[in-house]
């Protein structure tokens, strides 16, 4: 069954005007495309604060070298070769792979840190770096955990930053060498008895020779004269 020609013309006109009606309704409900209607930038509206709490928050913590200023929980350091007036960084090129400059493109959140100490400088590459009391500040690549101060005193120029912006001078303690295992005391050898003193045999002593016995003296024999005789005869 075919429709009258006038009906077919009216249906075609209705189909052509429907998209226009729909588009006009959409234009009245929102003045921006749907892709830009939702907030961007980590859930914050465009132009609002965008703070990375893991990196751009400044606070303090206590370590064995003293109370230090931290960024995202990690110790901040400054270099004695840098300058505070005007703020100038001497850590360039490969230095930044070990000592990471703290970015200053956004205003950090502060917890226990004096806001008057915080500033920025422009590095040679055009990026902004955070300063504390005028000094550029950095993180140390070997601080693997928050609150560690492995960079204290490195090369004699790197110092942790205190909560007042001044450097800490206490040196980090060297790693203790592992203690040598205790050894059982050696058993003492049994003491040898003292050697007997050699016997001294005295040479036999000769008895003194007996003195010769004196010979008994013999009395002269006297022969008496016979009677009538004389010894003189």
Protein backbone atom coordinates (compact mmCIF):
# COMPACT_ATOMS: atom_id res chain seq x y z
CA UNK A 1 0.00 0.00 0.00
CA UNK A 2 1.54 3.32 -1.04
CA UNK A 3 1.13 6.57 0.88
CA UNK A 4 -0.15 9.68 -0.78
CA UNK A 5 2.58 11.96 -2.08
CA UNK A 6 1.63 14.71 0.36
CA UNK A 7 2.24 12.38 3.30
CA UNK A 8 5.66 11.37 1.95
CA UNK A 9 6.71 15.02 1.65
CA UNK A 10 5.63 15.76 5.21
CA UNK A 11 7.56 12.79 6.63
CA UNK A 12 10.75 13.87 4.86
CA UNK A 13 10.46 17.39 6.26
CA UNK A 14 10.01 15.99 9.73
CA UNK A 15 13.22 13.92 9.46
CA UNK A 16 15.23 16.94 8.31
CA UNK A 17 14.13 19.19 11.15
CA UNK A 18 14.66 16.61 13.95
CA UNK A 19 18.52 16.96 14.13
CA UNK A 20 18.23 20.71 14.26
CA UNK A 21 15.83 20.48 17.16
CA UNK A 22 18.16 18.12 19.01
CA UNK A 23 21.25 20.27 18.41
CA UNK A 24 19.44 23.37 19.53
CA UNK A 25 18.44 21.63 22.77
CA UNK A 26 22.08 20.61 23.43
CA UNK A 27 23.33 24.14 22.87
CA UNK A 28 20.96 25.48 25.49
CA UNK A 29 22.03 22.98 28.19
CA UNK A 30 25.82 23.68 28.10
CA UNK A 31 28.03 26.38 26.71
CA UNK A 32 31.22 24.19 26.49
CA UNK A 33 31.93 20.86 24.85
CA UNK A 34 31.39 17.80 27.02
CA UNK A 35 35.15 17.01 26.92
CA UNK A 36 35.92 20.26 28.77
CA UNK A 37 32.98 20.27 31.12
CA UNK A 38 34.71 17.95 33.67
CA UNK A 39 37.59 19.30 35.79
CA UNK A 40 41.09 18.44 34.58
CA UNK A 41 44.48 18.48 36.26
CA UNK A 42 44.27 15.69 38.86
CA UNK A 43 40.64 16.46 39.65
CA UNK A 44 41.13 20.21 40.11
CA UNK A 45 39.45 22.87 37.96
CA UNK A 46 41.58 24.59 35.35
CA UNK A 47 43.49 27.44 36.94
CA UNK A 48 43.03 26.02 40.44
CA UNK A 49 45.86 24.79 42.71
CA UNK A 50 47.45 21.54 41.55
CA UNK A 51 49.68 20.27 44.36
CA UNK A 52 51.58 17.01 44.16
CA UNK A 53 51.60 16.07 47.82
CA UNK A 54 54.30 13.52 47.17
CA UNK A 55 56.82 16.13 46.01
CA UNK A 56 55.64 19.68 46.58
CA UNK A 57 54.95 19.55 50.31
CA UNK A 58 57.57 20.99 52.64
CA UNK A 59 57.78 19.78 56.21
CA UNK A 60 60.37 18.80 58.84
CA UNK A 61 61.52 15.56 60.40
CA UNK A 62 64.06 14.47 63.01
CA UNK A 63 67.17 12.54 61.98
CA UNK A 64 70.39 11.57 63.75
CA UNK A 65 72.08 14.72 62.40
CA UNK A 66 69.26 16.93 63.70
CA UNK A 67 65.90 18.23 62.50
CA UNK A 68 65.88 18.66 58.72
CA UNK A 69 63.55 20.23 56.18
CA UNK A 70 61.97 17.76 53.78
CA UNK A 71 60.19 17.77 50.43
CA UNK A 72 57.66 14.98 50.18
CA UNK A 73 59.35 13.42 53.21
CA UNK A 74 62.86 13.45 51.70
CA UNK A 75 65.72 15.51 53.11
CA UNK A 76 66.57 18.80 51.37
CA UNK A 77 70.22 19.69 50.77
CA UNK A 78 72.11 22.75 49.68
CA UNK A 79 75.54 23.14 48.09
CA UNK A 80 78.20 25.43 49.55
CA UNK A 81 79.31 26.24 45.98
CA UNK A 82 75.91 27.79 45.20
CA UNK A 83 75.01 31.41 45.95
CA UNK A 84 72.11 32.93 47.84
CA UNK A 85 72.59 36.53 46.63
CA UNK A 86 71.55 36.37 43.89
CA UNK A 87 70.24 32.79 44.08
CA UNK A 88 72.47 30.76 41.76
CA UNK A 89 72.87 27.02 41.26
CA UNK A 90 76.24 25.49 40.44
CA UNK A 91 74.80 21.97 40.07
CA UNK A 92 74.33 21.61 36.32
CA UNK A 93 74.52 18.84 33.75
CA UNK A 94 75.34 15.39 35.15
CA UNK A 95 75.26 16.79 38.69
CA UNK A 96 71.48 16.91 38.53
CA UNK A 97 71.26 13.15 37.97
CA UNK A 98 72.59 12.66 41.50
CA UNK A 99 71.29 15.84 43.12
CA UNK A 100 67.81 16.50 41.81
CA UNK A 101 66.79 20.19 41.90
CA UNK A 102 63.46 20.75 43.66
CA UNK A 103 61.04 22.24 41.16
CA UNK A 104 59.50 25.60 41.93
CA UNK A 105 56.80 25.81 39.25
CA UNK A 106 54.01 25.38 41.84
CA UNK A 107 53.58 26.81 45.31
CA UNK A 108 54.35 24.02 47.81
CA UNK A 109 52.16 23.28 50.80
CA UNK A 110 53.95 24.10 54.06
CA UNK A 111 53.81 22.20 57.34
CA UNK A 112 55.92 23.74 60.09
CA UNK A 113 58.01 25.71 57.58
CA UNK A 114 58.28 29.52 57.57
CA UNK A 115 56.78 30.78 54.30
CA UNK A 116 59.17 33.76 54.24
CA UNK A 117 62.08 31.36 53.68
CA UNK A 118 60.65 29.93 50.46
CA UNK A 119 61.45 31.37 47.03
CA UNK A 120 62.48 30.34 43.52
CA UNK A 121 65.21 30.92 40.97
CA UNK A 122 65.34 30.40 37.21
CA UNK A 123 67.88 27.81 36.10
CA UNK A 124 69.87 28.15 32.85
CA UNK A 125 67.41 25.83 31.08
CA UNK A 126 64.53 28.14 32.00
CA UNK A 127 62.98 25.89 34.67
CA UNK A 128 62.23 27.15 38.17
CA UNK A 129 63.97 25.76 41.22
CA UNK A 130 62.85 26.09 44.83
CA UNK A 131 65.07 28.06 47.20
CA UNK A 132 65.18 28.09 51.00
CA UNK A 133 66.58 31.27 52.56
CA UNK A 134 67.86 32.15 49.08
CA UNK A 135 69.76 28.87 48.58
CA UNK A 136 68.81 26.38 45.84
CA UNK A 137 67.71 23.06 47.35
CA UNK A 138 68.03 19.49 46.09
CA UNK A 139 67.34 15.85 46.86
CA UNK A 140 70.00 13.13 46.99
CA UNK A 141 69.55 10.07 44.79
CA UNK A 142 70.85 7.69 47.50
CA UNK A 143 68.20 8.76 50.00
CA UNK A 144 66.02 5.78 49.17
CA UNK A 145 63.67 6.19 52.15
CA UNK A 146 62.06 9.29 53.69
CA UNK A 147 64.01 10.72 56.60
CA UNK A 148 67.41 9.40 55.52
CA UNK A 149 70.40 11.77 55.31
CA UNK A 150 72.93 9.85 53.23
CA UNK A 151 73.92 13.06 51.43
CA UNK A 152 75.12 14.84 54.57
CA UNK A 153 78.74 15.95 54.07
CA UNK A 154 79.18 14.33 50.64
CA UNK A 155 82.25 15.78 48.86
CA UNK A 156 82.53 18.26 51.73
CA UNK A 157 79.99 20.62 50.08
CA UNK A 158 76.53 19.10 50.57
CA UNK A 159 74.62 19.94 53.75
CA UNK A 160 71.14 19.07 54.97
CA UNK A 161 68.87 22.09 55.44
CA UNK A 162 67.47 22.75 58.91
CA UNK A 163 63.94 24.02 59.63
CA UNK A 164 65.32 27.58 59.91
CA UNK A 165 66.93 27.34 56.47
CA UNK A 166 70.45 27.05 57.90
CA UNK A 167 72.72 24.13 57.03
CA UNK A 168 73.39 21.35 59.50
CA UNK A 169 77.08 20.73 60.15
CA UNK A 170 76.99 17.41 61.99
CA UNK A 171 78.64 14.72 59.91
CA UNK A 172 76.93 11.48 59.08
CA UNK A 173 78.33 8.53 60.99
CA UNK A 174 80.31 6.09 58.83
CA UNK A 175 78.79 2.69 58.37
CA UNK A 176 80.00 0.38 61.10
CA UNK A 177 82.15 -2.50 59.94
CA UNK A 178 80.67 -5.91 60.72
CA UNK A 179 82.02 -7.32 63.94
CA UNK A 180 84.46 -10.17 63.52
CA UNK A 181 83.12 -13.49 64.79
CA UNK A 182 84.36 -14.35 68.21
CA UNK A 183 86.87 -17.16 68.29
CA UNK A 184 87.16 -19.65 71.09
CA UNK A 185 90.28 -18.98 73.13
CA UNK A 186 93.09 -21.31 72.21
CA UNK A 187 93.83 -23.98 74.76
CA UNK A 188 97.07 -23.34 76.56
CA UNK A 189 99.66 -26.03 76.11
CA UNK A 190 100.46 -27.87 79.33
CA UNK A 191 103.38 -26.30 81.05
CA UNK A 192 106.53 -28.34 80.90
CA UNK A 193 108.16 -29.09 84.24
CA UNK A 194 111.31 -27.08 84.72
CA UNK A 195 114.38 -28.90 83.57
CA UNK A 196 116.32 -30.43 86.43
CA UNK A 197 119.50 -28.62 87.21
CA UNK A 198 122.53 -30.68 86.24
CA UNK A 199 124.09 -32.45 89.17
CA UNK A 200 127.47 -31.09 90.06
CA UNK A 201 129.76 -33.89 91.23
CA UNK A 202 132.49 -32.51 93.39
CA UNK A 203 135.85 -34.04 92.68
CA UNK A 204 136.94 -36.41 95.42
CA UNK A 205 139.02 -34.66 97.98
CA UNK A 206 142.31 -36.30 98.88
CA UNK A 207 142.91 -36.81 102.54
CA UNK A 208 145.92 -34.88 103.63
CA UNK A 209 149.00 -37.05 103.81
CA UNK A 210 149.70 -38.25 107.31
CA UNK A 211 152.67 -36.64 108.86
CA UNK A 212 155.51 -39.08 109.33
CA UNK A 213 155.52 -40.54 112.71
CA UNK A 214 158.54 -39.46 114.69
CA UNK A 215 160.98 -42.25 115.32
CA UNK A 216 161.38 -43.03 118.96
CA UNK A 217 164.66 -41.81 120.27
CA UNK A 218 167.05 -44.60 121.49
CA UNK A 219 168.78 -43.91 124.74
CA UNK A 220 172.48 -44.70 124.66
CA UNK A 221 173.38 -48.02 126.23
CA UNK A 222 175.64 -47.61 129.19
CA UNK A 223 177.76 -50.65 129.96
CA UNK A 224 178.84 -50.59 133.51
CA UNK A 225 182.47 -51.28 134.27
CA UNK A 226 183.28 -54.60 135.59
CA UNK A 227 184.85 -54.64 138.93
CA UNK A 228 188.53 -54.36 138.72
CA UNK A 229 188.28 -52.92 135.25
CA UNK A 230 188.10 -49.48 134.08
CA UNK A 231 186.81 -48.11 130.95
CA UNK A 232 189.86 -46.15 130.75
CA UNK A 233 192.13 -49.15 130.84
